[in-house]
C-alpha atoms as a PDB file:
ATOM      1  CA  UNK A   1      29.619 -29.312  -3.924  1.00  0.00           C
ATOM      2  CA  UNK A   2      27.373 -27.111  -5.941  1.00  0.00           C
ATOM      3  CA  UNK A   3      28.265 -23.514  -6.870  1.00  0.00           C
ATOM      4  CA  UNK A   4      27.613 -21.205  -4.304  1.00  0.00           C
ATOM      5  CA  UNK A   5      23.833 -20.869  -5.279  1.00  0.00           C
ATOM      6  CA  UNK A   6      20.941 -22.784  -3.678  1.00  0.00           C
ATOM      7  CA  UNK A   7      18.813 -25.065  -6.051  1.00  0.00           C
ATOM      8  CA  UNK A   8      16.082 -22.356  -5.610  1.00  0.00           C
ATOM      9  CA  UNK A   9      18.459 -19.279  -6.871  1.00  0.00           C
ATOM     10  CA  UNK A  10      19.772 -21.838  -9.672  1.00  0.00           C
ATOM     11  CA  UNK A  11      16.448 -22.821 -11.013  1.00  0.00           C
ATOM     12  CA  UNK A  12      15.322 -18.973 -10.719  1.00  0.00           C
ATOM     13  CA  UNK A  13      18.293 -17.507 -12.379  1.00  0.00           C
ATOM     14  CA  UNK A  14      17.982 -20.155 -15.540  1.00  0.00           C
ATOM     15  CA  UNK A  15      14.498 -19.403 -15.489  1.00  0.00           C
ATOM     16  CA  UNK A  16      15.171 -15.910 -15.659  1.00  0.00           C
ATOM     17  CA  UNK A  17      17.616 -16.273 -18.463  1.00  0.00           C
ATOM     18  CA  UNK A  18      15.532 -18.530 -20.449  1.00  0.00           C
ATOM     19  CA  UNK A  19      11.825 -18.660 -19.296  1.00  0.00           C
ATOM     20  CA  UNK A  20      10.671 -21.279 -22.038  1.00  0.00           C
ATOM     21  CA  UNK A  21      13.512 -23.875 -21.127  1.00  0.00           C
ATOM     22  CA  UNK A  22      11.927 -27.338 -20.934  1.00  0.00           C
ATOM     23  CA  UNK A  23      12.283 -29.146 -17.544  1.00  0.00           C
ATOM     24  CA  UNK A  24      14.435 -31.926 -18.782  1.00  0.00           C
ATOM     25  CA  UNK A  25      17.193 -29.211 -19.885  1.00  0.00           C
ATOM     26  CA  UNK A  26      16.768 -27.758 -16.703  1.00  0.00           C
ATOM     27  CA  UNK A  27      17.341 -30.822 -15.014  1.00  0.00           C
ATOM     28  CA  UNK A  28      20.723 -31.170 -17.289  1.00  0.00           C
ATOM     29  CA  UNK A  29      21.639 -27.909 -16.221  1.00  0.00           C
ATOM     30  CA  UNK A  30      21.448 -28.522 -12.549  1.00  0.00           C
ATOM     31  CA  UNK A  31      23.140 -31.511 -12.760  1.00  0.00           C
ATOM     32  CA  UNK A  32      25.977 -29.928 -14.327  1.00  0.00           C
ATOM     33  CA  UNK A  33      25.938 -27.506 -11.499  1.00  0.00           C
ATOM     34  CA  UNK A  34      26.204 -30.519  -9.031  1.00  0.00           C
ATOM     35  CA  UNK A  35      22.636 -30.635  -7.903  1.00  0.00           C
ATOM     36  CA  UNK A  36      20.797 -33.833  -7.661  1.00  0.00           C
ATOM     37  CA  UNK A  37      17.040 -33.727  -7.998  1.00  0.00           C
ATOM     38  CA  UNK A  38      14.460 -36.111  -9.755  1.00  0.00           C
ATOM     39  CA  UNK A  39      12.209 -34.667 -12.600  1.00  0.00           C
ATOM     40  CA  UNK A  40       9.011 -34.864 -10.265  1.00  0.00           C
ATOM     41  CA  UNK A  41      10.418 -32.884  -7.577  1.00  0.00           C
ATOM     42  CA  UNK A  42      11.895 -30.389 -10.172  1.00  0.00           C
ATOM     43  CA  UNK A  43       8.684 -29.977 -11.656  1.00  0.00           C
ATOM     44  CA  UNK A  44       6.888 -29.213  -8.492  1.00  0.00           C
ATOM     45  CA  UNK A  45       9.582 -27.083  -7.429  1.00  0.00           C
ATOM     46  CA  UNK A  46       9.699 -25.302 -10.833  1.00  0.00           C
ATOM     47  CA  UNK A  47       5.695 -24.199 -10.566  1.00  0.00           C
ATOM     48  CA  UNK A  48       6.393 -22.898  -6.628  1.00  0.00           C
ATOM     49  CA  UNK A  49       9.379 -20.865  -8.033  1.00  0.00           C
ATOM     50  CA  UNK A  50       7.826 -19.414 -11.019  1.00  0.00           C
ATOM     51  CA  UNK A  51       4.816 -18.483  -8.792  1.00  0.00           C
ATOM     52  CA  UNK A  52       7.062 -16.564  -6.599  1.00  0.00           C
ATOM     53  CA  UNK A  53       8.831 -14.961  -9.620  1.00  0.00           C
ATOM     54  CA  UNK A  54       5.265 -13.980 -10.898  1.00  0.00           C
ATOM     55  CA  UNK A  55       4.467 -12.327  -7.575  1.00  0.00           C
ATOM     56  CA  UNK A  56       7.944 -10.681  -7.238  1.00  0.00           C
ATOM     57  CA  UNK A  57       7.692  -9.294 -10.679  1.00  0.00           C
ATOM     58  CA  UNK A  58       4.154  -7.863 -10.043  1.00  0.00           C
ATOM     59  CA  UNK A  59       5.422  -6.154  -6.609  1.00  0.00           C
ATOM     60  CA  UNK A  60       8.682  -4.917  -8.659  1.00  0.00           C
ATOM     61  CA  UNK A  61       6.067  -3.000 -11.032  1.00  0.00           C
ATOM     62  CA  UNK A  62       3.677  -2.130  -8.510  1.00  0.00           C
ATOM     63  CA  UNK A  63       6.554  -0.397  -6.568  1.00  0.00           C
ATOM     64  CA  UNK A  64       8.235   1.259  -9.531  1.00  0.00           C
ATOM     65  CA  UNK A  65       4.920   2.702 -10.181  1.00  0.00           C
ATOM     66  CA  UNK A  66       4.445   3.976  -6.653  1.00  0.00           C
ATOM     67  CA  UNK A  67       7.911   5.781  -6.305  1.00  0.00           C
ATOM     68  CA  UNK A  68       7.179   7.290  -9.609  1.00  0.00           C
ATOM     69  CA  UNK A  69       3.890   8.742  -8.286  1.00  0.00           C
ATOM     70  CA  UNK A  70       5.738   9.856  -5.067  1.00  0.00           C
ATOM     71  CA  UNK A  71       8.058  11.463  -6.963  1.00  0.00           C
ATOM     72  CA  UNK A  72       5.586  13.236  -9.211  1.00  0.00           C
ATOM     73  CA  UNK A  73       3.683  14.049  -6.148  1.00  0.00           C
ATOM     74  CA  UNK A  74       7.097  15.714  -4.360  1.00  0.00           C
ATOM     75  CA  UNK A  75       6.672  18.478  -7.469  1.00  0.00           C
ATOM     76  CA  UNK A  76       3.221  19.319  -6.828  1.00  0.00           C
ATOM     77  CA  UNK A  77       2.576  19.157  -3.159  1.00  0.00           C
ATOM     78  CA  UNK A  78       1.190  22.037  -1.905  1.00  0.00           C
ATOM     79  CA  UNK A  79       0.825  20.777   1.923  1.00  0.00           C
ATOM     80  CA  UNK A  80       1.946  17.845   3.757  1.00  0.00           C
ATOM     81  CA  UNK A  81       1.118  16.583   7.211  1.00  0.00           C
ATOM     82  CA  UNK A  82       2.680  13.757   9.355  1.00  0.00           C
ATOM     83  CA  UNK A  83      -0.683  11.355   9.777  1.00  0.00           C
ATOM     84  CA  UNK A  84      -1.581   8.178  10.857  1.00  0.00           C
ATOM     85  CA  UNK A  85      -4.213   6.451   8.840  1.00  0.00           C
ATOM     86  CA  UNK A  86      -6.366   4.612  11.399  1.00  0.00           C
ATOM     87  CA  UNK A  87      -9.255   2.954   9.091  1.00  0.00           C
ATOM     88  CA  UNK A  88     -12.041   3.762   7.037  1.00  0.00           C
ATOM     89  CA  UNK A  89     -11.034   3.032   3.727  1.00  0.00           C
ATOM     90  CA  UNK A  90     -12.577  -0.297   2.838  1.00  0.00           C
ATOM     91  CA  UNK A  91      -9.629  -1.489   0.927  1.00  0.00           C
ATOM     92  CA  UNK A  92      -7.103  -0.933   3.790  1.00  0.00           C
ATOM     93  CA  UNK A  93      -8.655  -1.832   7.365  1.00  0.00           C
ATOM     94  CA  UNK A  94      -5.196  -1.467   9.485  1.00  0.00           C
ATOM     95  CA  UNK A  95      -3.558   1.390  10.984  1.00  0.00           C
ATOM     96  CA  UNK A  96      -0.521   2.907   8.701  1.00  0.00           C
ATOM     97  CA  UNK A  97       1.925   6.098   9.661  1.00  0.00           C
ATOM     98  CA  UNK A  98       2.274   8.307   6.701  1.00  0.00           C
ATOM     99  CA  UNK A  99       1.730  11.275   5.185  1.00  0.00           C
ATOM    100  CA  UNK A 100      -1.674  13.385   4.106  1.00  0.00           C
ATOM    101  CA  UNK A 101      -0.539  15.381   1.360  1.00  0.00           C
ATOM    102  CA  UNK A 102      -2.600  17.936  -0.629  1.00  0.00           C
ATOM    103  CA  UNK A 103      -2.192  18.855  -4.159  1.00  0.00           C
ATOM    104  CA  UNK A 104      -4.373  21.028  -6.782  1.00  0.00           C
ATOM    105  CA  UNK A 105      -7.054  18.580  -6.741  1.00  0.00           C
ATOM    106  CA  UNK A 106      -6.347  15.543  -4.473  1.00  0.00           C
ATOM    107  CA  UNK A 107      -5.772  14.707  -1.207  1.00  0.00           C
ATOM    108  CA  UNK A 108      -3.158  11.629  -1.159  1.00  0.00           C
ATOM    109  CA  UNK A 109      -2.466   9.129   1.637  1.00  0.00           C
ATOM    110  CA  UNK A 110       1.244   8.176   1.418  1.00  0.00           C
ATOM    111  CA  UNK A 111       2.770   5.577   4.004  1.00  0.00           C
ATOM    112  CA  UNK A 112       6.010   6.448   5.647  1.00  0.00           C
ATOM    113  CA  UNK A 113       6.943   2.808   4.581  1.00  0.00           C
ATOM    114  CA  UNK A 114       6.113   2.239   0.826  1.00  0.00           C
ATOM    115  CA  UNK A 115       5.137  -1.285   1.016  1.00  0.00           C
ATOM    116  CA  UNK A 116       3.624  -3.527   3.950  1.00  0.00           C
ATOM    117  CA  UNK A 117       4.230  -6.652   2.713  1.00  0.00           C
ATOM    118  CA  UNK A 118       2.561  -6.949  -0.695  1.00  0.00           C
ATOM    119  CA  UNK A 119       0.064  -4.327   0.357  1.00  0.00           C
ATOM    120  CA  UNK A 120       0.418  -0.729  -0.913  1.00  0.00           C
ATOM    121  CA  UNK A 121      -1.493   1.479   1.413  1.00  0.00           C
ATOM    122  CA  UNK A 122      -1.467   4.330  -0.698  1.00  0.00           C
ATOM    123  CA  UNK A 123      -4.708   6.272  -1.944  1.00  0.00           C
ATOM    124  CA  UNK A 124      -6.147   9.497  -3.112  1.00  0.00           C
ATOM    125  CA  UNK A 125      -9.238  11.221  -2.938  1.00  0.00           C
ATOM    126  CA  UNK A 126     -10.398  13.719  -5.511  1.00  0.00           C
ATOM    127  CA  UNK A 127     -11.215  17.103  -3.700  1.00  0.00           C
ATOM    128  CA  UNK A 128     -14.631  17.206  -5.679  1.00  0.00           C
ATOM    129  CA  UNK A 129     -15.826  13.833  -4.270  1.00  0.00           C
ATOM    130  CA  UNK A 130     -15.216  14.925  -0.764  1.00  0.00           C
ATOM    131  CA  UNK A 131     -18.735  15.413   0.905  1.00  0.00           C
ATOM    132  CA  UNK A 132     -17.698  16.041   4.075  1.00  0.00           C
ATOM    133  CA  UNK A 133     -14.768  17.161   6.778  1.00  0.00           C
ATOM    134  CA  UNK A 134     -14.996  16.360  10.175  1.00  0.00           C
ATOM    135  CA  UNK A 135     -13.006  17.165  13.151  1.00  0.00           C
ATOM    136  CA  UNK A 136     -14.184  14.474  15.686  1.00  0.00           C
ATOM    137  CA  UNK A 137     -12.924  13.333  19.180  1.00  0.00           C
ATOM    138  CA  UNK A 138     -12.747   9.468  20.055  1.00  0.00           C
ATOM    139  CA  UNK A 139     -16.095   9.899  21.913  1.00  0.00           C
ATOM    140  CA  UNK A 140     -17.984  10.946  18.451  1.00  0.00           C
ATOM    141  CA  UNK A 141     -16.406   8.269  16.474  1.00  0.00           C
ATOM    142  CA  UNK A 142     -17.206   5.635  19.312  1.00  0.00           C
ATOM    143  CA  UNK A 143     -20.147   4.359  17.466  1.00  0.00           C
ATOM    144  CA  UNK A 144     -17.948   3.078  14.544  1.00  0.00           C
ATOM    145  CA  UNK A 145     -14.749   2.852  16.085  1.00  0.00           C
ATOM    146  CA  UNK A 146     -15.055  -0.942  16.289  1.00  0.00           C
ATOM    147  CA  UNK A 147     -15.543  -1.284  12.307  1.00  0.00           C
ATOM    148  CA  UNK A 148     -12.919   1.477  11.619  1.00  0.00           C
ATOM    149  CA  UNK A 149     -10.295   0.639  14.350  1.00  0.00           C
ATOM    150  CA  UNK A 150     -11.080  -2.469  15.806  1.00  0.00           C
ATOM    151  CA  UNK A 151      -9.451  -3.171  19.206  1.00  0.00           C
ATOM    152  CA  UNK A 152      -6.985  -0.417  18.304  1.00  0.00           C
ATOM    153  CA  UNK A 153      -9.595   2.283  19.240  1.00  0.00           C
ATOM    154  CA  UNK A 154      -9.042   1.672  23.017  1.00  0.00           C
ATOM    155  CA  UNK A 155      -5.788   2.918  22.777  1.00  0.00           C
ATOM    156  CA  UNK A 156      -6.433   6.484  21.519  1.00  0.00           C
ATOM    157  CA  UNK A 157      -6.767   9.177  24.142  1.00  0.00           C
ATOM    158  CA  UNK A 158     -10.116  10.798  24.903  1.00  0.00           C
ATOM    159  CA  UNK A 159      -8.645  14.381  24.075  1.00  0.00           C
ATOM    160  CA  UNK A 160      -7.119  13.480  20.694  1.00  0.00           C
ATOM    161  CA  UNK A 161      -8.725  14.876  17.558  1.00  0.00           C
ATOM    162  CA  UNK A 162      -9.110  12.932  14.473  1.00  0.00           C
ATOM    163  CA  UNK A 163      -9.781  14.080  11.013  1.00  0.00           C
ATOM    164  CA  UNK A 164     -12.669  11.793   9.186  1.00  0.00           C
ATOM    165  CA  UNK A 165     -12.939  12.479   5.155  1.00  0.00           C
ATOM    166  CA  UNK A 166     -16.430  11.291   3.553  1.00  0.00           C
ATOM    167  CA  UNK A 167     -16.508  10.729   0.045  1.00  0.00           C
ATOM    168  CA  UNK A 168     -17.964   8.121  -2.607  1.00  0.00           C
ATOM    169  CA  UNK A 169     -15.402   5.986  -4.242  1.00  0.00           C
ATOM    170  CA  UNK A 170     -15.170   5.038  -7.850  1.00  0.00           C
ATOM    171  CA  UNK A 171     -17.993   2.435  -7.667  1.00  0.00           C
ATOM    172  CA  UNK A 172     -20.293   4.552  -5.908  1.00  0.00           C
ATOM    173  CA  UNK A 173     -19.438   3.262  -1.747  1.00  0.00           C
ATOM    174  CA  UNK A 174     -19.226   5.749   0.695  1.00  0.00           C
ATOM    175  CA  UNK A 175     -15.653   5.468   2.459  1.00  0.00           C
ATOM    176  CA  UNK A 176     -14.851   7.498   5.724  1.00  0.00           C
ATOM    177  CA  UNK A 177     -10.759   7.142   5.920  1.00  0.00           C
ATOM    178  CA  UNK A 178      -9.924   8.407   9.648  1.00  0.00           C
ATOM    179  CA  UNK A 179      -6.492  10.286  10.176  1.00  0.00           C
ATOM    180  CA  UNK A 180      -4.634  11.399  13.426  1.00  0.00           C
ATOM    181  CA  UNK A 181      -2.646  14.485  12.640  1.00  0.00           C
ATOM    182  CA  UNK A 182      -0.622  16.167  15.272  1.00  0.00           C
ATOM    183  CA  UNK A 183      -1.053  19.610  13.831  1.00  0.00           C
ATOM    184  CA  UNK A 184      -4.725  18.815  12.877  1.00  0.00           C
ATOM    185  CA  UNK A 185      -6.319  22.259  13.548  1.00  0.00           C
ATOM    186  CA  UNK A 186      -3.774  23.472  10.690  1.00  0.00           C
ATOM    187  CA  UNK A 187      -4.631  20.759   8.385  1.00  0.00           C
ATOM    188  CA  UNK A 188      -8.405  21.073   8.732  1.00  0.00           C
ATOM    189  CA  UNK A 189      -8.108  24.726   7.829  1.00  0.00           C
ATOM    190  CA  UNK A 190      -5.900  23.990   4.955  1.00  0.00           C
ATOM    191  CA  UNK A 191      -8.433  21.083   3.781  1.00  0.00           C
ATOM    192  CA  UNK A 192     -11.237  23.396   4.310  1.00  0.00           C
ATOM    193  CA  UNK A 193      -9.727  26.187   2.298  1.00  0.00           C
ATOM    194  CA  UNK A 194      -8.844  23.917  -0.579  1.00  0.00           C
ATOM    195  CA  UNK A 195     -12.709  22.362  -0.567  1.00  0.00           C
ATOM    196  CA  UNK A 196     -14.410  25.729  -0.708  1.00  0.00           C
ATOM    197  CA  UNK A 197     -12.171  26.793  -3.425  1.00  0.00           C
ATOM    198  CA  UNK A 198     -13.219  23.646  -5.573  1.00  0.00           C
ATOM    199  CA  UNK A 199     -16.882  23.903  -4.584  1.00  0.00           C
ATOM    200  CA  UNK A 200     -16.789  27.565  -5.486  1.00  0.00           C
END
């Protein structure tokens, strides 16, 4: 029986050790480990594993960057509010729980779970770019709710209030992320004061 490694783990371990190893040498290595695999199947498996490994490396790099960003944020955050992001950012259409954080020059959204699959639902908005700050009820966002929230819109009670930020992104498109915040009155006051300070 081969060592405790699976075929995939054995191939990946060898590729990590020597990314330029030829398929022939890889096949010899696997035979020594007790695996029996044809050259054709090995070539196919190697391609699949290298693609997965590439995605894994990219994920690790992004994860490290995001963790570093969060660490730097913890040092400069002025206010932080638990928040549920409901939609409105063009890149992120789904609901995510997290935190709205205010720093000297930005509003950041950081999720509770840093990664959702391979999607990093983290974004920041420069305070100077925010064009509008609105406190809205479900009725007031009804017209755009299907676009913003899809069927999730039906789950939010009428009396709740939501915060909507409107701004233009780096490529000039208007984005309007919507958030539910438990202490929304305080969050709006804090953001309003920060915006007023930036505009003067």
